[in-house]
């Protein structure tokens, strides 16, 4: 059995730079131990709190089932509105993010904006919108709207970029821009 030369270069004998990298990583972890207030013994010392917390889940208490059902419906309504608004916004944004039909000065900044929308967690957006509009379902709708817009705009842009260039060139030949 032969081994590819590139593999043996990467996975071959350890050299000094590999040891230096591991040493720097371990030094950074040792430095961050105190700042992060690492205390593994707290898990053992406070395990009774975790046991009490877990035990409170059993048996489940369904005396307030009407309230639970109402809140589940609100959650579905938040998801419906957030997704609907995201679809409406992401179709034109997806077209504008497609590099095969949009100039670079439009699609590059919009793509970075959609990247930011996708990469920031919905909970972060929710906290920002709670400050902006107050606590309630509307903040959740706005958070899901922004986050889902970033995801769907990327999907729509990729779909537009997958279009065969022939028909696009044919339409442009008729005078379309």
C-alpha atoms as a PDB file:
ATOM      1  CA  UNK A   1       0.000   0.000   0.000  1.00  0.00           C
ATOM      2  CA  UNK A   2       1.404   3.372  -0.991  1.00  0.00           C
ATOM      3  CA  UNK A   3       0.903   6.636   0.807  1.00  0.00           C
ATOM      4  CA  UNK A   4       0.382   9.876  -1.060  1.00  0.00           C
ATOM      5  CA  UNK A   5       3.296  12.325  -0.714  1.00  0.00           C
ATOM      6  CA  UNK A   6       1.077  15.232   0.363  1.00  0.00           C
ATOM      7  CA  UNK A   7      -0.348  13.125   3.186  1.00  0.00           C
ATOM      8  CA  UNK A   8       3.069  12.179   4.496  1.00  0.00           C
ATOM      9  CA  UNK A   9       4.095  15.852   4.480  1.00  0.00           C
ATOM     10  CA  UNK A  10       1.076  16.855   6.570  1.00  0.00           C
ATOM     11  CA  UNK A  11       0.814  13.811   8.817  1.00  0.00           C
ATOM     12  CA  UNK A  12       4.486  12.921   8.833  1.00  0.00           C
ATOM     13  CA  UNK A  13       7.003  13.464  11.578  1.00  0.00           C
ATOM     14  CA  UNK A  14       6.175  16.304  13.951  1.00  0.00           C
ATOM     15  CA  UNK A  15       8.316  19.367  13.461  1.00  0.00           C
ATOM     16  CA  UNK A  16       9.111  22.307  15.731  1.00  0.00           C
ATOM     17  CA  UNK A  17       6.256  24.503  14.511  1.00  0.00           C
ATOM     18  CA  UNK A  18       3.698  21.869  15.485  1.00  0.00           C
ATOM     19  CA  UNK A  19       5.135  21.701  19.019  1.00  0.00           C
ATOM     20  CA  UNK A  20       5.180  25.503  19.168  1.00  0.00           C
ATOM     21  CA  UNK A  21       1.504  25.641  18.120  1.00  0.00           C
ATOM     22  CA  UNK A  22       0.465  23.128  20.775  1.00  0.00           C
ATOM     23  CA  UNK A  23       2.548  24.949  23.367  1.00  0.00           C
ATOM     24  CA  UNK A  24       0.910  28.287  22.529  1.00  0.00           C
ATOM     25  CA  UNK A  25      -2.537  26.705  22.694  1.00  0.00           C
ATOM     26  CA  UNK A  26      -1.847  25.171  26.110  1.00  0.00           C
ATOM     27  CA  UNK A  27      -0.377  28.457  27.360  1.00  0.00           C
ATOM     28  CA  UNK A  28      -3.502  30.334  26.215  1.00  0.00           C
ATOM     29  CA  UNK A  29      -5.743  27.809  27.976  1.00  0.00           C
ATOM     30  CA  UNK A  30      -3.696  28.068  31.175  1.00  0.00           C
ATOM     31  CA  UNK A  31      -3.867  31.865  31.014  1.00  0.00           C
ATOM     32  CA  UNK A  32      -7.664  31.798  30.459  1.00  0.00           C
ATOM     33  CA  UNK A  33      -8.319  29.346  33.330  1.00  0.00           C
ATOM     34  CA  UNK A  34      -8.397  32.050  36.010  1.00  0.00           C
ATOM     35  CA  UNK A  35     -10.188  34.674  33.916  1.00  0.00           C
ATOM     36  CA  UNK A  36     -12.952  32.225  33.002  1.00  0.00           C
ATOM     37  CA  UNK A  37     -13.296  31.296  36.689  1.00  0.00           C
ATOM     38  CA  UNK A  38     -12.970  27.599  35.874  1.00  0.00           C
ATOM     39  CA  UNK A  39     -14.083  25.574  38.889  1.00  0.00           C
ATOM     40  CA  UNK A  40     -14.797  21.926  38.050  1.00  0.00           C
ATOM     41  CA  UNK A  41     -15.367  21.123  41.729  1.00  0.00           C
ATOM     42  CA  UNK A  42     -18.472  23.350  41.676  1.00  0.00           C
ATOM     43  CA  UNK A  43     -20.186  20.649  39.610  1.00  0.00           C
ATOM     44  CA  UNK A  44     -19.597  18.148  42.396  1.00  0.00           C
ATOM     45  CA  UNK A  45     -20.222  20.554  45.271  1.00  0.00           C
ATOM     46  CA  UNK A  46     -23.470  21.920  43.802  1.00  0.00           C
ATOM     47  CA  UNK A  47     -24.753  18.655  42.340  1.00  0.00           C
ATOM     48  CA  UNK A  48     -27.669  18.647  44.778  1.00  0.00           C
ATOM     49  CA  UNK A  49     -29.000  21.784  43.051  1.00  0.00           C
ATOM     50  CA  UNK A  50     -28.876  20.006  39.699  1.00  0.00           C
ATOM     51  CA  UNK A  51     -30.595  16.935  41.143  1.00  0.00           C
ATOM     52  CA  UNK A  52     -33.390  19.075  42.618  1.00  0.00           C
ATOM     53  CA  UNK A  53     -33.810  20.900  39.320  1.00  0.00           C
ATOM     54  CA  UNK A  54     -34.038  17.620  37.369  1.00  0.00           C
ATOM     55  CA  UNK A  55     -36.411  16.052  39.914  1.00  0.00           C
ATOM     56  CA  UNK A  56     -38.828  18.971  39.564  1.00  0.00           C
ATOM     57  CA  UNK A  57     -39.533  17.841  36.001  1.00  0.00           C
ATOM     58  CA  UNK A  58     -41.053  14.567  37.230  1.00  0.00           C
ATOM     59  CA  UNK A  59     -43.899  13.944  37.326  1.00  0.00           C
ATOM     60  CA  UNK A  60     -44.962  16.593  34.813  1.00  0.00           C
ATOM     61  CA  UNK A  61     -47.614  19.000  36.047  1.00  0.00           C
ATOM     62  CA  UNK A  62     -50.362  19.541  33.473  1.00  0.00           C
ATOM     63  CA  UNK A  63     -52.775  21.470  35.682  1.00  0.00           C
ATOM     64  CA  UNK A  64     -52.129  24.590  33.597  1.00  0.00           C
ATOM     65  CA  UNK A  65     -52.553  22.837  30.229  1.00  0.00           C
ATOM     66  CA  UNK A  66     -54.772  25.589  28.800  1.00  0.00           C
ATOM     67  CA  UNK A  67     -52.030  28.116  29.421  1.00  0.00           C
ATOM     68  CA  UNK A  68     -49.446  25.791  27.857  1.00  0.00           C
ATOM     69  CA  UNK A  69     -51.627  25.275  24.794  1.00  0.00           C
ATOM     70  CA  UNK A  70     -52.157  29.020  24.403  1.00  0.00           C
ATOM     71  CA  UNK A  71     -48.406  29.669  24.546  1.00  0.00           C
ATOM     72  CA  UNK A  72     -47.721  26.866  22.049  1.00  0.00           C
ATOM     73  CA  UNK A  73     -50.147  28.517  19.637  1.00  0.00           C
ATOM     74  CA  UNK A  74     -48.400  31.864  20.141  1.00  0.00           C
ATOM     75  CA  UNK A  75     -45.095  30.153  19.311  1.00  0.00           C
ATOM     76  CA  UNK A  76     -46.555  28.796  16.069  1.00  0.00           C
ATOM     77  CA  UNK A  77     -47.929  32.249  15.229  1.00  0.00           C
ATOM     78  CA  UNK A  78     -44.504  33.810  15.829  1.00  0.00           C
ATOM     79  CA  UNK A  79     -42.911  31.233  13.531  1.00  0.00           C
ATOM     80  CA  UNK A  80     -45.538  31.769  10.806  1.00  0.00           C
ATOM     81  CA  UNK A  81     -45.154  35.549  10.790  1.00  0.00           C
ATOM     82  CA  UNK A  82     -41.366  35.465  11.024  1.00  0.00           C
ATOM     83  CA  UNK A  83     -41.135  33.009   8.137  1.00  0.00           C
ATOM     84  CA  UNK A  84     -43.714  34.819   5.985  1.00  0.00           C
ATOM     85  CA  UNK A  85     -41.940  38.156   6.365  1.00  0.00           C
ATOM     86  CA  UNK A  86     -38.603  36.482   5.666  1.00  0.00           C
ATOM     87  CA  UNK A  87     -39.879  34.931   2.437  1.00  0.00           C
ATOM     88  CA  UNK A  88     -41.234  38.262   1.211  1.00  0.00           C
ATOM     89  CA  UNK A  89     -37.941  40.033   1.940  1.00  0.00           C
ATOM     90  CA  UNK A  90     -35.538  37.286   0.939  1.00  0.00           C
ATOM     91  CA  UNK A  91     -36.760  36.809  -2.641  1.00  0.00           C
ATOM     92  CA  UNK A  92     -35.662  40.273  -3.852  1.00  0.00           C
ATOM     93  CA  UNK A  93     -32.594  40.182  -1.598  1.00  0.00           C
ATOM     94  CA  UNK A  94     -31.671  36.758  -2.974  1.00  0.00           C
ATOM     95  CA  UNK A  95     -31.899  38.064  -6.521  1.00  0.00           C
ATOM     96  CA  UNK A  96     -29.768  41.070  -5.594  1.00  0.00           C
ATOM     97  CA  UNK A  97     -27.211  38.773  -3.909  1.00  0.00           C
ATOM     98  CA  UNK A  98     -26.761  36.633  -7.041  1.00  0.00           C
ATOM     99  CA  UNK A  99     -23.432  37.494  -8.616  1.00  0.00           C
ATOM    100  CA  UNK A 100     -24.387  36.349 -12.114  1.00  0.00           C
ATOM    101  CA  UNK A 101     -27.079  39.032 -12.566  1.00  0.00           C
ATOM    102  CA  UNK A 102     -26.072  41.829 -10.193  1.00  0.00           C
ATOM    103  CA  UNK A 103     -23.020  44.131 -10.285  1.00  0.00           C
ATOM    104  CA  UNK A 104     -20.336  43.490  -7.684  1.00  0.00           C
ATOM    105  CA  UNK A 105     -20.991  46.741  -5.824  1.00  0.00           C
ATOM    106  CA  UNK A 106     -24.535  45.543  -5.086  1.00  0.00           C
ATOM    107  CA  UNK A 107     -24.151  41.825  -4.450  1.00  0.00           C
ATOM    108  CA  UNK A 108     -20.990  41.933  -2.322  1.00  0.00           C
ATOM    109  CA  UNK A 109     -22.279  44.282   0.421  1.00  0.00           C
ATOM    110  CA  UNK A 110     -25.685  42.599   0.430  1.00  0.00           C
ATOM    111  CA  UNK A 111     -24.107  39.160   0.758  1.00  0.00           C
ATOM    112  CA  UNK A 112     -22.050  40.315   3.735  1.00  0.00           C
ATOM    113  CA  UNK A 113     -25.194  41.730   5.321  1.00  0.00           C
ATOM    114  CA  UNK A 114     -27.040  38.432   4.759  1.00  0.00           C
ATOM    115  CA  UNK A 115     -23.993  36.576   6.149  1.00  0.00           C
ATOM    116  CA  UNK A 116     -24.274  38.666   9.305  1.00  0.00           C
ATOM    117  CA  UNK A 117     -28.012  37.987   9.547  1.00  0.00           C
ATOM    118  CA  UNK A 118     -27.353  34.254   9.229  1.00  0.00           C
ATOM    119  CA  UNK A 119     -24.437  34.083  11.615  1.00  0.00           C
ATOM    120  CA  UNK A 120     -25.957  36.023  14.514  1.00  0.00           C
ATOM    121  CA  UNK A 121     -28.112  33.765  16.670  1.00  0.00           C
ATOM    122  CA  UNK A 122     -31.842  34.428  16.888  1.00  0.00           C
ATOM    123  CA  UNK A 123     -31.543  34.898  20.648  1.00  0.00           C
ATOM    124  CA  UNK A 124     -29.175  37.826  20.139  1.00  0.00           C
ATOM    125  CA  UNK A 125     -31.628  39.443  17.733  1.00  0.00           C
ATOM    126  CA  UNK A 126     -34.440  38.698  20.191  1.00  0.00           C
ATOM    127  CA  UNK A 127     -32.595  40.506  22.992  1.00  0.00           C
ATOM    128  CA  UNK A 128     -31.998  43.510  20.738  1.00  0.00           C
ATOM    129  CA  UNK A 129     -35.640  43.623  19.704  1.00  0.00           C
ATOM    130  CA  UNK A 130     -36.861  43.235  23.290  1.00  0.00           C
ATOM    131  CA  UNK A 131     -35.001  46.458  24.016  1.00  0.00           C
ATOM    132  CA  UNK A 132     -36.393  48.087  20.859  1.00  0.00           C
ATOM    133  CA  UNK A 133     -40.068  47.027  20.981  1.00  0.00           C
ATOM    134  CA  UNK A 134     -40.513  45.535  24.437  1.00  0.00           C
ATOM    135  CA  UNK A 135     -41.001  42.036  25.761  1.00  0.00           C
ATOM    136  CA  UNK A 136     -43.515  39.966  23.833  1.00  0.00           C
ATOM    137  CA  UNK A 137     -44.150  37.907  20.735  1.00  0.00           C
ATOM    138  CA  UNK A 138     -43.438  40.783  18.338  1.00  0.00           C
ATOM    139  CA  UNK A 139     -39.771  40.804  19.364  1.00  0.00           C
ATOM    140  CA  UNK A 140     -39.654  37.090  18.512  1.00  0.00           C
ATOM    141  CA  UNK A 141     -41.265  37.704  15.126  1.00  0.00           C
ATOM    142  CA  UNK A 142     -38.669  40.356  14.316  1.00  0.00           C
ATOM    143  CA  UNK A 143     -35.784  38.142  15.451  1.00  0.00           C
ATOM    144  CA  UNK A 144     -36.946  35.193  13.346  1.00  0.00           C
ATOM    145  CA  UNK A 145     -37.643  37.511  10.421  1.00  0.00           C
ATOM    146  CA  UNK A 146     -34.088  38.862  10.317  1.00  0.00           C
ATOM    147  CA  UNK A 147     -32.379  35.532  10.895  1.00  0.00           C
ATOM    148  CA  UNK A 148     -34.515  33.585   8.425  1.00  0.00           C
ATOM    149  CA  UNK A 149     -34.168  36.329   5.817  1.00  0.00           C
ATOM    150  CA  UNK A 150     -30.407  35.763   5.825  1.00  0.00           C
ATOM    151  CA  UNK A 151     -30.810  32.010   5.371  1.00  0.00           C
ATOM    152  CA  UNK A 152     -33.451  32.194   2.637  1.00  0.00           C
ATOM    153  CA  UNK A 153     -31.688  35.002   0.743  1.00  0.00           C
ATOM    154  CA  UNK A 154     -28.603  32.801   0.492  1.00  0.00           C
ATOM    155  CA  UNK A 155     -30.687  29.883  -0.768  1.00  0.00           C
ATOM    156  CA  UNK A 156     -32.449  32.054  -3.355  1.00  0.00           C
ATOM    157  CA  UNK A 157     -29.136  33.596  -4.476  1.00  0.00           C
ATOM    158  CA  UNK A 158     -27.644  30.137  -4.964  1.00  0.00           C
ATOM    159  CA  UNK A 159     -30.717  29.079  -6.950  1.00  0.00           C
ATOM    160  CA  UNK A 160     -30.399  32.121  -9.218  1.00  0.00           C
ATOM    161  CA  UNK A 161     -26.670  31.512  -9.669  1.00  0.00           C
ATOM    162  CA  UNK A 162     -27.419  27.914 -10.710  1.00  0.00           C
ATOM    163  CA  UNK A 163     -29.459  29.120 -13.701  1.00  0.00           C
ATOM    164  CA  UNK A 164     -27.888  28.202 -17.036  1.00  0.00           C
ATOM    165  CA  UNK A 165     -26.242  31.292 -18.587  1.00  0.00           C
ATOM    166  CA  UNK A 166     -27.673  30.614 -22.079  1.00  0.00           C
ATOM    167  CA  UNK A 167     -31.250  31.785 -21.442  1.00  0.00           C
ATOM    168  CA  UNK A 168     -29.994  34.786 -19.469  1.00  0.00           C
ATOM    169  CA  UNK A 169     -27.747  35.827 -22.379  1.00  0.00           C
ATOM    170  CA  UNK A 170     -30.661  35.326 -24.774  1.00  0.00           C
ATOM    171  CA  UNK A 171     -32.868  37.639 -22.748  1.00  0.00           C
ATOM    172  CA  UNK A 172     -30.066  40.208 -22.527  1.00  0.00           C
ATOM    173  CA  UNK A 173     -29.653  40.037 -26.312  1.00  0.00           C
ATOM    174  CA  UNK A 174     -33.234  41.257 -26.663  1.00  0.00           C
ATOM    175  CA  UNK A 175     -32.341  44.398 -24.744  1.00  0.00           C
ATOM    176  CA  UNK A 176     -33.088  43.412 -21.165  1.00  0.00           C
ATOM    177  CA  UNK A 177     -30.596  44.437 -18.513  1.00  0.00           C
END
